[in-house]
Amino acid sequence: MSIEMENSRIDESVSKFIIYVENYRKNLNKQGVWLFLATIGCMGLEPTWLKIMALFVTLIIFFSNLLIEFEGEGRHLTYDEAMNQIKQKIELMSCENDKSYWFTCLDNIKKHRLGFFITFYKSYIYLISFVFYLICLILVMFEVALN
């Protein structure tokens, strides 16, 4: 395989991975809005046992909705798994300079798109909604314990 074809193949994989990360975060925030609304709906139910069931069903539904597929793989991959697949493709390249370039690109992606604070910054809607959900779940459990 020519060097240009190798670089093109890696460039395509890296581009798909970046799109995957961005789409995942958009989906996460969209699910956060619905999680917030569903939690409010659950808290309005009576009796308490129905509220508990609704909260657990809501949790199951929203966790299953978070698993989107990495294009071309046909299954959900963690960021690390997707990065490792790209690294394996880079390792197969023949030109050491190109390998170095692509590994540097992956390091930059990890630092600037997958960092701890970046994740919170880009997914804040879901995080706030999930904290709200957990607070409601704890309040319901206290309600059960006090009765």
Protein backbone atom coordinates (compact mmCIF):
# COMPACT_ATOMS: atom_id res chain seq x y z
CA MET A 1 0.00 0.00 0.00
CA SER A 2 1.35 3.44 -0.87
CA ILE A 3 2.17 6.01 1.80
CA GLU A 4 -0.58 8.31 0.51
CA MET A 5 -3.13 5.52 0.81
CA GLU A 6 -1.96 4.69 4.33
CA ASN A 7 -2.24 8.33 5.38
CA SER A 8 -5.65 8.62 3.75
CA ARG A 9 -6.87 5.53 5.58
CA ILE A 10 -5.62 6.83 8.95
CA ASP A 11 -7.02 10.30 8.26
CA GLU A 12 -10.42 8.77 7.57
CA SER A 13 -10.29 6.74 10.79
CA VAL A 14 -9.28 9.76 12.87
CA SER A 15 -11.99 11.93 11.28
CA LYS A 16 -14.63 9.28 11.97
CA PHE A 17 -13.45 9.04 15.57
CA ILE A 18 -13.71 12.81 16.09
CA ILE A 19 -17.22 12.79 14.59
CA TYR A 20 -18.08 9.84 16.86
CA VAL A 21 -16.95 11.78 19.95
CA GLU A 22 -18.88 14.91 18.97
CA ASN A 23 -22.05 12.97 18.08
CA TYR A 24 -21.84 11.02 21.32
CA ARG A 25 -21.68 14.23 23.34
CA LYS A 26 -24.58 15.77 21.42
CA ASN A 27 -26.61 12.61 22.07
CA LEU A 28 -25.60 12.68 25.72
CA ASN A 29 -26.83 16.24 26.20
CA LYS A 30 -30.06 15.54 24.31
CA GLN A 31 -30.64 12.52 26.55
CA GLY A 32 -29.96 14.75 29.56
CA VAL A 33 -32.90 16.97 28.71
CA TRP A 34 -35.19 13.97 28.42
CA LEU A 35 -33.79 12.44 31.61
CA PHE A 36 -34.61 15.65 33.46
CA LEU A 37 -38.19 15.69 32.14
CA ALA A 38 -38.68 11.98 32.86
CA THR A 39 -37.38 12.45 36.41
CA ILE A 40 -39.85 15.26 37.02
CA GLY A 41 -42.62 12.98 35.73
CA CYS A 42 -41.50 10.13 37.97
CA MET A 43 -41.49 12.35 41.04
CA GLY A 44 -45.10 13.33 40.44
CA LEU A 45 -46.33 9.75 40.77
CA GLU A 46 -48.07 8.31 43.80
CA PRO A 47 -47.84 5.88 45.64
CA THR A 48 -44.14 5.70 46.47
CA TRP A 49 -43.62 2.16 45.12
CA LEU A 50 -44.79 3.36 41.69
CA LYS A 51 -42.36 6.28 41.90
CA ILE A 52 -39.50 3.84 42.66
CA MET A 53 -40.42 1.58 39.75
CA ALA A 54 -40.65 4.55 37.39
CA LEU A 55 -37.25 5.85 38.48
CA PHE A 56 -35.59 2.48 37.88
CA VAL A 57 -37.27 2.02 34.50
CA THR A 58 -36.15 5.53 33.58
CA LEU A 59 -32.57 4.66 34.54
CA ILE A 60 -32.60 1.53 32.38
CA ILE A 61 -34.06 3.38 29.39
CA PHE A 62 -31.56 6.21 29.54
CA PHE A 63 -28.51 4.01 29.99
CA SER A 64 -29.49 1.92 26.98
CA ASN A 65 -29.97 5.09 24.87
CA LEU A 66 -26.42 6.24 25.57
CA LEU A 67 -24.79 3.44 23.62
CA ILE A 68 -24.30 4.68 20.09
CA GLU A 69 -22.20 2.76 17.60
CA PHE A 70 -18.81 3.74 16.25
CA GLU A 71 -19.34 3.96 12.50
CA GLY A 72 -17.97 0.96 10.67
CA GLU A 73 -17.71 -1.21 13.77
CA GLY A 74 -21.41 -1.96 14.24
CA ARG A 75 -21.16 -1.91 18.03
CA HIS A 76 -20.56 0.52 20.86
CA LEU A 77 -16.90 1.17 21.60
CA THR A 78 -15.39 3.10 24.46
CA TYR A 79 -13.11 5.95 23.51
CA ASP A 80 -10.09 3.87 24.54
CA GLU A 81 -11.17 0.93 22.37
CA ALA A 82 -11.66 3.19 19.36
CA MET A 83 -8.30 4.89 19.97
CA ASN A 84 -6.58 1.50 20.26
CA GLN A 85 -8.05 0.40 16.93
CA ILE A 86 -6.65 3.52 15.29
CA LYS A 87 -3.28 2.97 17.00
CA GLN A 88 -3.16 -0.56 15.60
CA LYS A 89 -3.71 0.84 12.09
CA ILE A 90 -0.95 3.40 12.65
CA GLU A 91 1.45 0.67 13.81
CA LEU A 92 1.02 -1.05 10.45
CA MET A 93 2.24 2.02 8.55
CA SER A 94 5.62 1.76 6.83
CA CYS A 95 6.88 5.35 7.27
CA GLU A 96 8.17 6.16 10.77
CA ASN A 97 7.66 9.92 10.29
CA ASP A 98 4.02 9.36 9.45
CA LYS A 99 3.61 7.09 12.48
CA SER A 100 5.06 9.78 14.70
CA TYR A 101 2.76 12.39 13.18
CA TRP A 102 -0.38 10.30 13.67
CA PHE A 103 0.53 9.31 17.23
CA THR A 104 1.00 13.03 17.99
CA CYS A 105 -2.43 13.71 16.47
CA LEU A 106 -4.00 11.04 18.69
CA ASP A 107 -2.30 12.50 21.75
CA ASN A 108 -3.72 15.93 20.86
CA ILE A 109 -7.19 14.46 20.40
CA LYS A 110 -6.97 12.74 23.76
CA LYS A 111 -5.75 15.93 25.44
CA HIS A 112 -8.11 18.42 23.78
CA ARG A 113 -11.26 16.36 23.13
CA LEU A 114 -11.24 13.59 25.73
CA GLY A 115 -9.75 15.32 28.75
CA PHE A 116 -11.50 15.18 32.11
CA PHE A 117 -12.58 18.83 32.19
CA ILE A 118 -13.47 18.90 28.49
CA THR A 119 -15.88 16.02 29.09
CA PHE A 120 -17.66 17.96 31.84
CA TYR A 121 -17.69 21.15 29.78
CA LYS A 122 -19.16 19.47 26.68
CA SER A 123 -21.64 17.22 28.56
CA TYR A 124 -22.82 19.52 31.32
CA ILE A 125 -26.53 19.19 30.49
CA TYR A 126 -26.46 15.44 30.99
CA LEU A 127 -24.36 15.71 34.14
CA ILE A 128 -26.71 18.22 35.75
CA SER A 129 -29.72 16.09 34.81
CA PHE A 130 -28.10 12.94 36.15
CA VAL A 131 -27.25 14.64 39.46
CA PHE A 132 -30.87 15.80 39.68
CA TYR A 133 -32.00 12.21 39.00
CA LEU A 134 -29.73 10.87 41.75
CA ILE A 135 -30.97 13.46 44.26
CA CYS A 136 -34.56 12.51 43.47
CA LEU A 137 -33.75 8.81 43.80
CA ILE A 138 -32.12 9.40 47.20
CA LEU A 139 -35.10 11.48 48.37
CA VAL A 140 -37.49 8.69 47.38
CA MET A 141 -35.36 6.12 49.21
CA PHE A 142 -35.40 8.30 52.34
CA GLU A 143 -39.16 8.62 51.95
CA VAL A 144 -39.42 4.80 51.91
CA ALA A 145 -37.08 4.44 54.87
CA LEU A 146 -39.03 6.93 56.98
CA ASN A 147 -42.39 5.24 56.36
